[in-house]
Amino acid sequence: MLDIKDCINDICPWSGDPVSADSLTLYKGQVVGFCNRGCRDKFEKAASMFEAKLR
């Protein structure tokens, strides 16, 4: 389970709001936080699209 204490950011990269413990994801070995699950899911979708293009 991901822990907010391992999060590399304090502010959501999408909204600018503080990150929430229930909205974390793992990206390239780092825990990244978002203010809500919607922002997290938007990031995961965008990241997977970019990763697919890089292959």
PDB file of N, CA and C in Angstrom:
ATOM      1  N   MET A   1       0.837  -1.182   0.000  1.00  0.00           N
ATOM      2  CA  MET A   1       0.000   0.000   0.000  1.00  0.00           C
ATOM      3  C   MET A   1       0.885   1.249   0.000  1.00  0.00           C
ATOM      4  N   LEU A   2       0.497   2.252  -0.759  1.00  0.00           N
ATOM      5  CA  LEU A   2       1.253   3.486  -0.841  1.00  0.00           C
ATOM      6  C   LEU A   2       0.990   4.357   0.385  1.00  0.00           C
ATOM      7  N   ASP A   3       2.034   5.050   0.840  1.00  0.00           N
ATOM      8  CA  ASP A   3       1.934   5.863   2.044  1.00  0.00           C
ATOM      9  C   ASP A   3       2.252   7.316   1.713  1.00  0.00           C
ATOM     10  N   ILE A   4       1.446   8.225   2.224  1.00  0.00           N
ATOM     11  CA  ILE A   4       1.637   9.645   1.929  1.00  0.00           C
ATOM     12  C   ILE A   4       2.993  10.156   2.425  1.00  0.00           C
ATOM     13  N   LYS A   5       3.567   9.530   3.436  1.00  0.00           N
ATOM     14  CA  LYS A   5       4.880   9.978   3.932  1.00  0.00           C
ATOM     15  C   LYS A   5       5.976   9.725   2.898  1.00  0.00           C
ATOM     16  N   ASP A   6       5.728   8.841   1.929  1.00  0.00           N
ATOM     17  CA  ASP A   6       6.700   8.557   0.871  1.00  0.00           C
ATOM     18  C   ASP A   6       6.473   9.412  -0.378  1.00  0.00           C
ATOM     19  N   CYS A   7       5.442  10.232  -0.354  1.00  0.00           N
ATOM     20  CA  CYS A   7       5.043  11.042  -1.504  1.00  0.00           C
ATOM     21  C   CYS A   7       6.121  12.093  -1.813  1.00  0.00           C
ATOM     22  N   ILE A   8       6.458  12.258  -3.091  1.00  0.00           N
ATOM     23  CA  ILE A   8       7.500  13.212  -3.479  1.00  0.00           C
ATOM     24  C   ILE A   8       6.975  14.640  -3.634  1.00  0.00           C
ATOM     25  N   ASN A   9       5.670  14.835  -3.580  1.00  0.00           N
ATOM     26  CA  ASN A   9       5.091  16.170  -3.735  1.00  0.00           C
ATOM     27  C   ASN A   9       4.028  16.426  -2.674  1.00  0.00           C
ATOM     28  N   ASP A  10       3.834  17.700  -2.376  1.00  0.00           N
ATOM     29  CA  ASP A  10       2.813  18.109  -1.404  1.00  0.00           C
ATOM     30  C   ASP A  10       1.593  18.713  -2.091  1.00  0.00           C
ATOM     31  N   ILE A  11       1.778  19.136  -3.340  1.00  0.00           N
ATOM     32  CA  ILE A  11       0.746  19.842  -4.082  1.00  0.00           C
ATOM     33  C   ILE A  11       0.377  19.034  -5.327  1.00  0.00           C
ATOM     34  N   CYS A  12      -0.913  18.905  -5.599  1.00  0.00           N
ATOM     35  CA  CYS A  12      -1.406  18.185  -6.772  1.00  0.00           C
ATOM     36  C   CYS A  12      -0.921  18.894  -8.042  1.00  0.00           C
ATOM     37  N   PRO A  13      -0.279  18.167  -8.958  1.00  0.00           N
ATOM     38  CA  PRO A  13       0.206  18.795 -10.193  1.00  0.00           C
ATOM     39  C   PRO A  13      -0.913  19.243 -11.129  1.00  0.00           C
ATOM     40  N   TRP A  14      -2.111  18.734 -10.967  1.00  0.00           N
ATOM     41  CA  TRP A  14      -3.230  19.141 -11.821  1.00  0.00           C
ATOM     42  C   TRP A  14      -3.946  20.360 -11.265  1.00  0.00           C
ATOM     43  N   SER A  15      -4.265  20.353  -9.970  1.00  0.00           N
ATOM     44  CA  SER A  15      -5.136  21.392  -9.407  1.00  0.00           C
ATOM     45  C   SER A  15      -4.408  22.455  -8.595  1.00  0.00           C
ATOM     46  N   GLY A  16      -3.247  22.097  -8.044  1.00  0.00           N
ATOM     47  CA  GLY A  16      -2.548  23.016  -7.149  1.00  0.00           C
ATOM     48  C   GLY A  16      -3.002  22.906  -5.700  1.00  0.00           C
ATOM     49  N   ASP A  17      -3.930  21.985  -5.423  1.00  0.00           N
ATOM     50  CA  ASP A  17      -4.418  21.760  -4.061  1.00  0.00           C
ATOM     51  C   ASP A  17      -3.506  20.762  -3.342  1.00  0.00           C
ATOM     52  N   PRO A  18      -3.568  20.710  -2.014  1.00  0.00           N
ATOM     53  CA  PRO A  18      -2.768  19.733  -1.261  1.00  0.00           C
ATOM     54  C   PRO A  18      -3.128  18.292  -1.645  1.00  0.00           C
ATOM     55  N   VAL A  19      -2.140  17.409  -1.574  1.00  0.00           N
ATOM     56  CA  VAL A  19      -2.379  16.004  -1.909  1.00  0.00           C
ATOM     57  C   VAL A  19      -3.162  15.317  -0.802  1.00  0.00           C
ATOM     58  N   SER A  20      -3.827  14.223  -1.172  1.00  0.00           N
ATOM     59  CA  SER A  20      -4.651  13.447  -0.253  1.00  0.00           C
ATOM     60  C   SER A  20      -4.103  12.023  -0.163  1.00  0.00           C
ATOM     61  N   ALA A  21      -4.129  11.449   1.016  1.00  0.00           N
ATOM     62  CA  ALA A  21      -3.588  10.108   1.242  1.00  0.00           C
ATOM     63  C   ALA A  21      -4.300   9.030   0.425  1.00  0.00           C
ATOM     64  N   ASP A  22      -5.541   9.275   0.009  1.00  0.00           N
ATOM     65  CA  ASP A  22      -6.270   8.262  -0.765  1.00  0.00           C
ATOM     66  C   ASP A  22      -6.140   8.467  -2.274  1.00  0.00           C
ATOM     67  N   SER A  23      -5.217   9.343  -2.683  1.00  0.00           N
ATOM     68  CA  SER A  23      -5.078   9.657  -4.109  1.00  0.00           C
ATOM     69  C   SER A  23      -3.620   9.610  -4.540  1.00  0.00           C
ATOM     70  N   LEU A  24      -2.968   8.518  -4.211  1.00  0.00           N
ATOM     71  CA  LEU A  24      -1.555   8.328  -4.533  1.00  0.00           C
ATOM     72  C   LEU A  24      -1.400   7.332  -5.674  1.00  0.00           C
ATOM     73  N   THR A  25      -0.296   7.463  -6.400  1.00  0.00           N
ATOM     74  CA  THR A  25       0.032   6.488  -7.425  1.00  0.00           C
ATOM     75  C   THR A  25       1.539   6.291  -7.443  1.00  0.00           C
ATOM     76  N   LEU A  26       1.977   5.221  -8.039  1.00  0.00           N
ATOM     77  CA  LEU A  26       3.393   4.942  -8.195  1.00  0.00           C
ATOM     78  C   LEU A  26       3.772   5.240  -9.627  1.00  0.00           C
ATOM     79  N   TYR A  27       4.767   6.106  -9.819  1.00  0.00           N
ATOM     80  CA  TYR A  27       5.221   6.469 -11.161  1.00  0.00           C
ATOM     81  C   TYR A  27       6.737   6.419 -11.193  1.00  0.00           C
ATOM     82  N   LYS A  28       7.257   5.531 -12.021  1.00  0.00           N
ATOM     83  CA  LYS A  28       8.707   5.352 -12.172  1.00  0.00           C
ATOM     84  C   LYS A  28       9.401   5.180 -10.819  1.00  0.00           C
ATOM     85  N   GLY A  29       8.779   4.380  -9.958  1.00  0.00           N
ATOM     86  CA  GLY A  29       9.360   4.054  -8.661  1.00  0.00           C
ATOM     87  C   GLY A  29       9.152   5.095  -7.576  1.00  0.00           C
ATOM     88  N   GLN A  30       8.416   6.162  -7.861  1.00  0.00           N
ATOM     89  CA  GLN A  30       8.176   7.225  -6.888  1.00  0.00           C
ATOM     90  C   GLN A  30       6.681   7.328  -6.575  1.00  0.00           C
ATOM     91  N   VAL A  31       6.368   7.635  -5.337  1.00  0.00           N
ATOM     92  CA  VAL A  31       4.984   7.865  -4.946  1.00  0.00           C
ATOM     93  C   VAL A  31       4.637   9.321  -5.270  1.00  0.00           C
ATOM     94  N   VAL A  32       3.614   9.499  -6.097  1.00  0.00           N
ATOM     95  CA  VAL A  32       3.149  10.830  -6.505  1.00  0.00           C
ATOM     96  C   VAL A  32       1.735  11.010  -5.964  1.00  0.00           C
ATOM     97  N   GLY A  33       1.465  12.184  -5.405  1.00  0.00           N
ATOM     98  CA  GLY A  33       0.169  12.444  -4.806  1.00  0.00           C
ATOM     99  C   GLY A  33      -0.673  13.421  -5.593  1.00  0.00           C
ATOM    100  N   PHE A  34      -1.987  13.288  -5.430  1.00  0.00           N
ATOM    101  CA  PHE A  34      -2.974  14.148  -6.081  1.00  0.00           C
ATOM    102  C   PHE A  34      -4.014  14.533  -5.058  1.00  0.00           C
ATOM    103  N   CYS A  35      -4.783  15.572  -5.351  1.00  0.00           N
ATOM    104  CA  CYS A  35      -5.771  16.062  -4.386  1.00  0.00           C
ATOM    105  C   CYS A  35      -6.997  15.160  -4.308  1.00  0.00           C
ATOM    106  N   ASN A  36      -7.271  14.418  -5.385  1.00  0.00           N
ATOM    107  CA  ASN A  36      -8.412  13.502  -5.386  1.00  0.00           C
ATOM    108  C   ASN A  36      -8.163  12.393  -6.401  1.00  0.00           C
ATOM    109  N   ARG A  37      -8.991  11.399  -6.365  1.00  0.00           N
ATOM    110  CA  ARG A  37      -8.812  10.236  -7.248  1.00  0.00           C
ATOM    111  C   ARG A  37      -9.004  10.595  -8.714  1.00  0.00           C
ATOM    112  N   GLY A  38      -9.845  11.591  -8.996  1.00  0.00           N
ATOM    113  CA  GLY A  38     -10.054  12.015 -10.374  1.00  0.00           C
ATOM    114  C   GLY A  38      -8.774  12.556 -10.991  1.00  0.00           C
ATOM    115  N   CYS A  39      -8.054  13.397 -10.248  1.00  0.00           N
ATOM    116  CA  CYS A  39      -6.775  13.917 -10.743  1.00  0.00           C
ATOM    117  C   CYS A  39      -5.758  12.778 -10.895  1.00  0.00           C
ATOM    118  N   ARG A  40      -5.751  11.871  -9.928  1.00  0.00           N
ATOM    119  CA  ARG A  40      -4.839  10.721 -10.005  1.00  0.00           C
ATOM    120  C   ARG A  40      -5.129   9.895 -11.249  1.00  0.00           C
ATOM    121  N   ASP A  41      -6.395   9.610 -11.486  1.00  0.00           N
ATOM    122  CA  ASP A  41      -6.765   8.790 -12.638  1.00  0.00           C
ATOM    123  C   ASP A  41      -6.440   9.493 -13.949  1.00  0.00           C
ATOM    124  N   LYS A  42      -6.626  10.814 -13.991  1.00  0.00           N
ATOM    125  CA  LYS A  42      -6.303  11.593 -15.185  1.00  0.00           C
ATOM    126  C   LYS A  42      -4.797  11.506 -15.456  1.00  0.00           C
ATOM    127  N   PHE A  43      -3.987  11.599 -14.401  1.00  0.00           N
ATOM    128  CA  PHE A  43      -2.538  11.474 -14.540  1.00  0.00           C
ATOM    129  C   PHE A  43      -2.147  10.093 -15.041  1.00  0.00           C
ATOM    130  N   GLU A  44      -2.715   9.047 -14.435  1.00  0.00           N
ATOM    131  CA  GLU A  44      -2.375   7.684 -14.840  1.00  0.00           C
ATOM    132  C   GLU A  44      -2.706   7.451 -16.311  1.00  0.00           C
ATOM    133  N   LYS A  45      -3.836   7.964 -16.771  1.00  0.00           N
ATOM    134  CA  LYS A  45      -4.223   7.812 -18.177  1.00  0.00           C
ATOM    135  C   LYS A  45      -3.254   8.565 -19.081  1.00  0.00           C
ATOM    136  N   ALA A  46      -2.928   9.803 -18.726  1.00  0.00           N
ATOM    137  CA  ALA A  46      -2.009  10.608 -19.537  1.00  0.00           C
ATOM    138  C   ALA A  46      -0.622   9.973 -19.568  1.00  0.00           C
ATOM    139  N   ALA A  47      -0.143   9.516 -18.421  1.00  0.00           N
ATOM    140  CA  ALA A  47       1.180   8.913 -18.346  1.00  0.00           C
ATOM    141  C   ALA A  47       1.246   7.647 -19.199  1.00  0.00           C
ATOM    142  N   SER A  48       0.214   6.828 -19.152  1.00  0.00           N
ATOM    143  CA  SER A  48       0.233   5.588 -19.931  1.00  0.00           C
ATOM    144  C   SER A  48       0.195   5.888 -21.428  1.00  0.00           C
ATOM    145  N   MET A  49      -0.493   6.960 -21.819  1.00  0.00           N
ATOM    146  CA  MET A  49      -0.506   7.352 -23.235  1.00  0.00           C
ATOM    147  C   MET A  49       0.880   7.788 -23.696  1.00  0.00           C
ATOM    148  N   PHE A  50       1.566   8.597 -22.868  1.00  0.00           N
ATOM    149  CA  PHE A  50       2.909   9.037 -23.211  1.00  0.00           C
ATOM    150  C   PHE A  50       3.878   7.859 -23.250  1.00  0.00           C
ATOM    151  N   GLU A  51       3.784   6.975 -22.273  1.00  0.00           N
ATOM    152  CA  GLU A  51       4.670   5.806 -22.245  1.00  0.00           C
ATOM    153  C   GLU A  51       4.478   4.946 -23.500  1.00  0.00           C
ATOM    154  N   ALA A  52       3.251   4.774 -23.919  1.00  0.00           N
ATOM    155  CA  ALA A  52       2.965   3.986 -25.127  1.00  0.00           C
ATOM    156  C   ALA A  52       3.573   4.635 -26.359  1.00  0.00           C
ATOM    157  N   LYS A  53       3.548   5.954 -26.434  1.00  0.00           N
ATOM    158  CA  LYS A  53       4.119   6.670 -27.580  1.00  0.00           C
ATOM    159  C   LYS A  53       5.637   6.576 -27.607  1.00  0.00           C
ATOM    160  N   LEU A  54       6.250   6.457 -26.430  1.00  0.00           N
ATOM    161  CA  LEU A  54       7.705   6.382 -26.344  1.00  0.00           C
ATOM    162  C   LEU A  54       8.255   5.011 -26.745  1.00  0.00           C
ATOM    163  N   ARG A  55       7.413   4.024 -26.750  1.00  0.00           N
ATOM    164  CA  ARG A  55       7.875   2.664 -27.096  1.00  0.00           C
ATOM    165  C   ARG A  55       8.084   2.517 -28.563  1.00  0.00           C
TER     166      ARG A  55
END
